N, C-alpha and C. Protein backbone atom coordinates (compact mmCIF):
# COMPACT_ATOMS: atom_id res chain seq x y z
N UNK A 1 37.06 39.85 23.77
CA UNK A 1 37.70 39.00 22.81
C UNK A 1 37.34 37.54 23.00
N UNK A 2 37.32 37.08 24.22
CA UNK A 2 37.04 35.67 24.45
C UNK A 2 35.59 35.32 24.16
N UNK A 3 34.67 36.29 24.31
CA UNK A 3 33.27 36.01 24.00
C UNK A 3 33.08 35.78 22.51
N UNK A 4 33.76 36.57 21.69
CA UNK A 4 33.69 36.38 20.24
C UNK A 4 34.30 35.05 19.82
N UNK A 5 35.38 34.69 20.47
CA UNK A 5 36.03 33.42 20.16
C UNK A 5 35.14 32.24 20.55
N UNK A 6 34.43 32.37 21.65
CA UNK A 6 33.54 31.30 22.10
C UNK A 6 32.37 31.11 21.13
N UNK A 7 31.83 32.23 20.62
CA UNK A 7 30.75 32.11 19.63
C UNK A 7 31.26 31.48 18.34
N UNK A 8 32.48 31.83 17.95
CA UNK A 8 33.04 31.27 16.73
C UNK A 8 33.28 29.76 16.89
N UNK A 9 33.75 29.34 18.04
CA UNK A 9 33.95 27.92 18.28
C UNK A 9 32.62 27.19 18.32
N UNK A 10 31.58 27.83 18.85
CA UNK A 10 30.26 27.21 18.89
C UNK A 10 29.70 27.00 17.49
N UNK A 11 29.88 28.00 16.61
CA UNK A 11 29.43 27.85 15.22
C UNK A 11 30.24 26.79 14.50
N UNK A 12 31.55 26.76 14.78
CA UNK A 12 32.41 25.79 14.13
C UNK A 12 32.05 24.36 14.54
N UNK A 13 31.79 24.15 15.82
CA UNK A 13 31.43 22.80 16.26
C UNK A 13 30.06 22.40 15.73
N UNK A 14 29.15 23.37 15.61
CA UNK A 14 27.84 23.08 15.02
C UNK A 14 27.96 22.70 13.56
N UNK A 15 28.86 23.37 12.84
CA UNK A 15 29.09 23.05 11.44
C UNK A 15 29.69 21.66 11.28
N UNK A 16 30.65 21.33 12.16
CA UNK A 16 31.24 19.99 12.11
C UNK A 16 30.20 18.92 12.42
N UNK A 17 29.34 19.19 13.38
CA UNK A 17 28.30 18.23 13.74
C UNK A 17 27.32 18.04 12.59
N UNK A 18 26.92 19.14 11.95
CA UNK A 18 26.00 19.05 10.81
C UNK A 18 26.63 18.28 9.67
N UNK A 19 27.88 18.61 9.32
CA UNK A 19 28.55 17.91 8.22
C UNK A 19 28.77 16.44 8.54
N UNK A 20 29.09 16.12 9.79
CA UNK A 20 29.27 14.72 10.16
C UNK A 20 27.96 13.95 10.08
N UNK A 21 26.86 14.57 10.47
CA UNK A 21 25.58 13.87 10.39
C UNK A 21 25.14 13.69 8.94
N UNK A 22 25.38 14.66 8.09
CA UNK A 22 25.06 14.51 6.66
C UNK A 22 25.94 13.44 6.04
N UNK A 23 27.22 13.43 6.41
CA UNK A 23 28.13 12.40 5.91
C UNK A 23 27.67 11.01 6.34
N UNK A 24 27.24 10.87 7.60
CA UNK A 24 26.74 9.58 8.09
C UNK A 24 25.48 9.18 7.34
N UNK A 25 24.61 10.14 7.05
CA UNK A 25 23.41 9.84 6.28
C UNK A 25 23.76 9.38 4.87
N UNK A 26 24.75 10.03 4.25
CA UNK A 26 25.18 9.62 2.92
C UNK A 26 25.78 8.22 2.93
N UNK A 27 26.56 7.91 3.96
CA UNK A 27 27.10 6.55 4.06
C UNK A 27 25.99 5.52 4.28
N UNK A 28 25.01 5.88 5.10
CA UNK A 28 23.88 4.98 5.32
C UNK A 28 23.09 4.73 4.03
N UNK A 29 22.89 5.79 3.25
CA UNK A 29 22.20 5.62 1.97
C UNK A 29 23.04 4.82 0.98
N UNK A 30 24.35 4.97 1.04
CA UNK A 30 25.23 4.16 0.19
C UNK A 30 25.10 2.68 0.54
N UNK A 31 25.12 2.37 1.82
CA UNK A 31 24.96 0.97 2.24
C UNK A 31 23.59 0.44 1.87
N UNK A 32 22.56 1.28 2.00
CA UNK A 32 21.21 0.85 1.62
C UNK A 32 21.12 0.57 0.13
N UNK A 33 21.72 1.42 -0.69
CA UNK A 33 21.67 1.17 -2.13
C UNK A 33 22.47 -0.06 -2.51
N UNK A 34 23.60 -0.30 -1.83
CA UNK A 34 24.35 -1.53 -2.10
C UNK A 34 23.57 -2.76 -1.68
N UNK A 35 22.89 -2.69 -0.55
CA UNK A 35 22.09 -3.81 -0.06
C UNK A 35 20.92 -4.08 -1.00
N UNK A 36 20.23 -3.03 -1.45
CA UNK A 36 19.07 -3.21 -2.32
C UNK A 36 19.46 -3.66 -3.72
N UNK A 37 20.69 -3.40 -4.14
CA UNK A 37 21.11 -3.80 -5.48
C UNK A 37 21.19 -5.32 -5.62
N UNK A 38 21.42 -6.01 -4.52
CA UNK A 38 21.55 -7.47 -4.58
C UNK A 38 20.27 -8.21 -4.26
N UNK A 39 19.20 -7.50 -3.98
CA UNK A 39 17.91 -8.15 -3.73
C UNK A 39 17.14 -8.15 -5.05
N UNK A 40 16.73 -9.33 -5.52
CA UNK A 40 15.99 -9.37 -6.79
C UNK A 40 14.56 -8.87 -6.61
N UNK A 41 14.31 -7.63 -7.02
CA UNK A 41 12.98 -7.04 -6.90
C UNK A 41 12.41 -6.66 -8.26
N UNK A 42 13.06 -7.07 -9.34
CA UNK A 42 12.58 -6.73 -10.67
C UNK A 42 12.83 -5.27 -10.99
N UNK A 43 11.84 -4.62 -11.60
CA UNK A 43 12.02 -3.21 -11.97
C UNK A 43 12.08 -2.26 -10.78
N UNK A 44 11.65 -2.71 -9.63
CA UNK A 44 11.69 -1.86 -8.44
C UNK A 44 13.13 -1.62 -7.98
N UNK A 45 14.04 -2.51 -8.35
CA UNK A 45 15.45 -2.35 -7.97
C UNK A 45 16.02 -1.07 -8.57
N UNK A 46 15.75 -0.86 -9.84
CA UNK A 46 16.26 0.34 -10.50
C UNK A 46 15.59 1.58 -9.93
N UNK A 47 14.28 1.51 -9.72
CA UNK A 47 13.55 2.66 -9.18
C UNK A 47 14.04 3.03 -7.78
N UNK A 48 14.32 2.02 -6.97
CA UNK A 48 14.81 2.32 -5.61
C UNK A 48 16.22 2.91 -5.67
N UNK A 49 17.05 2.43 -6.59
CA UNK A 49 18.38 2.99 -6.75
C UNK A 49 18.35 4.44 -7.19
N UNK A 50 17.45 4.75 -8.12
CA UNK A 50 17.32 6.13 -8.58
C UNK A 50 16.77 7.03 -7.47
N UNK A 51 15.81 6.53 -6.70
CA UNK A 51 15.24 7.31 -5.60
C UNK A 51 16.31 7.61 -4.54
N UNK A 52 17.13 6.62 -4.22
CA UNK A 52 18.20 6.83 -3.24
C UNK A 52 19.23 7.82 -3.80
N UNK A 53 19.53 7.74 -5.08
CA UNK A 53 20.48 8.67 -5.70
C UNK A 53 19.95 10.10 -5.66
N UNK A 54 18.66 10.27 -5.86
CA UNK A 54 18.07 11.61 -5.79
C UNK A 54 18.17 12.16 -4.37
N UNK A 55 17.92 11.32 -3.37
CA UNK A 55 18.03 11.77 -1.98
C UNK A 55 19.47 12.15 -1.66
N UNK A 56 20.43 11.35 -2.11
CA UNK A 56 21.84 11.65 -1.85
C UNK A 56 22.26 12.95 -2.53
N UNK A 57 21.85 13.15 -3.77
CA UNK A 57 22.24 14.38 -4.44
C UNK A 57 21.56 15.60 -3.82
N UNK A 58 20.34 15.43 -3.33
CA UNK A 58 19.67 16.53 -2.64
C UNK A 58 20.41 16.90 -1.36
N UNK A 59 20.86 15.91 -0.62
CA UNK A 59 21.64 16.20 0.59
C UNK A 59 22.91 16.97 0.26
N UNK A 60 23.60 16.57 -0.80
CA UNK A 60 24.83 17.26 -1.18
C UNK A 60 24.54 18.69 -1.62
N UNK A 61 23.49 18.87 -2.42
CA UNK A 61 23.15 20.20 -2.91
C UNK A 61 22.74 21.13 -1.78
N UNK A 62 21.93 20.64 -0.87
CA UNK A 62 21.39 21.50 0.18
C UNK A 62 22.41 21.78 1.27
N UNK A 63 23.11 20.76 1.74
CA UNK A 63 23.98 20.95 2.91
C UNK A 63 25.42 21.26 2.55
N UNK A 64 26.03 20.53 1.62
CA UNK A 64 27.43 20.76 1.32
C UNK A 64 27.63 21.95 0.39
N UNK A 65 26.76 22.10 -0.63
CA UNK A 65 26.88 23.24 -1.53
C UNK A 65 26.14 24.46 -1.01
N UNK A 66 25.34 24.30 0.03
CA UNK A 66 24.59 25.36 0.70
C UNK A 66 23.78 26.20 -0.28
N UNK A 67 23.03 25.53 -1.16
CA UNK A 67 22.22 26.24 -2.15
C UNK A 67 21.02 26.94 -1.53
N UNK A 68 20.59 26.53 -0.36
CA UNK A 68 19.46 27.17 0.29
C UNK A 68 19.81 28.62 0.64
N UNK A 69 21.02 28.86 1.13
CA UNK A 69 21.42 30.19 1.58
C UNK A 69 22.18 30.98 0.52
N UNK A 70 22.33 30.43 -0.66
CA UNK A 70 23.11 31.14 -1.69
C UNK A 70 22.22 32.14 -2.43
N UNK A 71 22.88 32.98 -3.21
CA UNK A 71 22.15 33.99 -3.98
C UNK A 71 21.42 33.34 -5.15
N UNK A 72 20.50 34.09 -5.71
CA UNK A 72 19.63 33.57 -6.78
C UNK A 72 20.44 33.19 -8.02
N UNK A 73 21.48 33.93 -8.32
CA UNK A 73 22.29 33.62 -9.51
C UNK A 73 23.00 32.28 -9.35
N UNK A 74 23.46 31.97 -8.16
CA UNK A 74 24.12 30.67 -7.91
C UNK A 74 23.10 29.55 -8.05
N UNK A 75 21.90 29.75 -7.51
CA UNK A 75 20.85 28.73 -7.65
C UNK A 75 20.47 28.55 -9.11
N UNK A 76 20.42 29.64 -9.86
CA UNK A 76 20.09 29.56 -11.28
C UNK A 76 21.16 28.78 -12.04
N UNK A 77 22.42 28.99 -11.70
CA UNK A 77 23.51 28.25 -12.34
C UNK A 77 23.42 26.75 -12.01
N UNK A 78 23.08 26.42 -10.77
CA UNK A 78 22.92 25.02 -10.39
C UNK A 78 21.74 24.39 -11.14
N UNK A 79 20.65 25.14 -11.27
CA UNK A 79 19.49 24.64 -12.00
C UNK A 79 19.82 24.43 -13.47
N UNK A 80 20.59 25.34 -14.05
CA UNK A 80 21.00 25.19 -15.45
C UNK A 80 21.85 23.93 -15.63
N UNK A 81 22.72 23.65 -14.67
CA UNK A 81 23.52 22.42 -14.74
C UNK A 81 22.67 21.18 -14.66
N UNK A 82 21.65 21.19 -13.79
CA UNK A 82 20.75 20.04 -13.68
C UNK A 82 19.93 19.84 -14.95
N UNK A 83 19.47 20.94 -15.54
CA UNK A 83 18.71 20.84 -16.79
C UNK A 83 19.60 20.31 -17.91
N UNK A 84 20.83 20.80 -17.98
CA UNK A 84 21.76 20.31 -19.00
C UNK A 84 22.02 18.81 -18.84
N UNK A 85 22.23 18.36 -17.60
CA UNK A 85 22.45 16.93 -17.36
C UNK A 85 21.20 16.12 -17.74
N UNK A 86 20.02 16.63 -17.43
CA UNK A 86 18.78 15.93 -17.78
C UNK A 86 18.63 15.81 -19.30
N UNK A 87 18.96 16.87 -20.03
CA UNK A 87 18.88 16.82 -21.49
C UNK A 87 19.87 15.80 -22.04
N UNK A 88 21.08 15.76 -21.49
CA UNK A 88 22.07 14.79 -21.96
C UNK A 88 21.61 13.35 -21.70
N UNK A 89 21.04 13.11 -20.52
CA UNK A 89 20.51 11.78 -20.24
C UNK A 89 19.35 11.43 -21.16
N UNK A 90 18.48 12.39 -21.45
CA UNK A 90 17.35 12.14 -22.35
C UNK A 90 17.83 11.82 -23.76
N UNK A 91 18.82 12.55 -24.24
CA UNK A 91 19.35 12.27 -25.58
C UNK A 91 20.03 10.91 -25.64
N UNK A 92 20.74 10.55 -24.59
CA UNK A 92 21.37 9.22 -24.55
C UNK A 92 20.32 8.12 -24.51
N UNK A 93 19.28 8.33 -23.73
CA UNK A 93 18.20 7.34 -23.67
C UNK A 93 17.50 7.21 -25.02
N UNK A 94 17.26 8.33 -25.71
CA UNK A 94 16.64 8.28 -27.03
C UNK A 94 17.52 7.52 -28.01
N UNK A 95 18.83 7.69 -27.93
CA UNK A 95 19.74 6.97 -28.81
C UNK A 95 19.70 5.48 -28.53
N UNK A 96 19.71 5.11 -27.26
CA UNK A 96 19.70 3.69 -26.89
C UNK A 96 18.39 3.03 -27.31
N UNK A 97 17.28 3.72 -27.12
CA UNK A 97 15.99 3.12 -27.42
C UNK A 97 15.73 2.99 -28.92
N UNK A 98 16.39 3.78 -29.76
CA UNK A 98 16.15 3.71 -31.19
C UNK A 98 17.12 2.80 -31.93
N UNK A 99 18.02 2.17 -31.26
CA UNK A 99 18.96 1.26 -31.92
C UNK A 99 18.26 -0.05 -32.26
N UNK A 100 18.66 -0.64 -33.36
CA UNK A 100 18.02 -1.87 -33.81
C UNK A 100 18.69 -3.12 -33.26
N UNK A 101 19.87 -3.01 -32.77
CA UNK A 101 20.57 -4.17 -32.21
C UNK A 101 21.64 -4.71 -33.14
N UNK A 102 21.61 -4.34 -34.40
CA UNK A 102 22.65 -4.77 -35.35
C UNK A 102 23.76 -3.75 -35.38
N UNK A 103 24.98 -4.25 -35.43
CA UNK A 103 26.14 -3.35 -35.47
C UNK A 103 26.67 -3.26 -36.86
């Protein structure tokens, strides 16, 4: 009984360590994006913010949602959500770009 409990505690502490390190990485990326937002770099500011956001969302998808170890149907549902969000952003961008500026 105690051997099984020891293995369970080892897995639990490993999970806590992994989640804490991912959380620290997310906080570090948050601070980096806040720092870069106030540096005048022109169009690179937006590109760096988007790149950092992609890295943060990848960390959440891979480690917190555990999409790497999930079944194919769960991954397909996540991919469908990402495609839906991309289509919504594309439609919003098309609307913004076609406006004339007069209300």
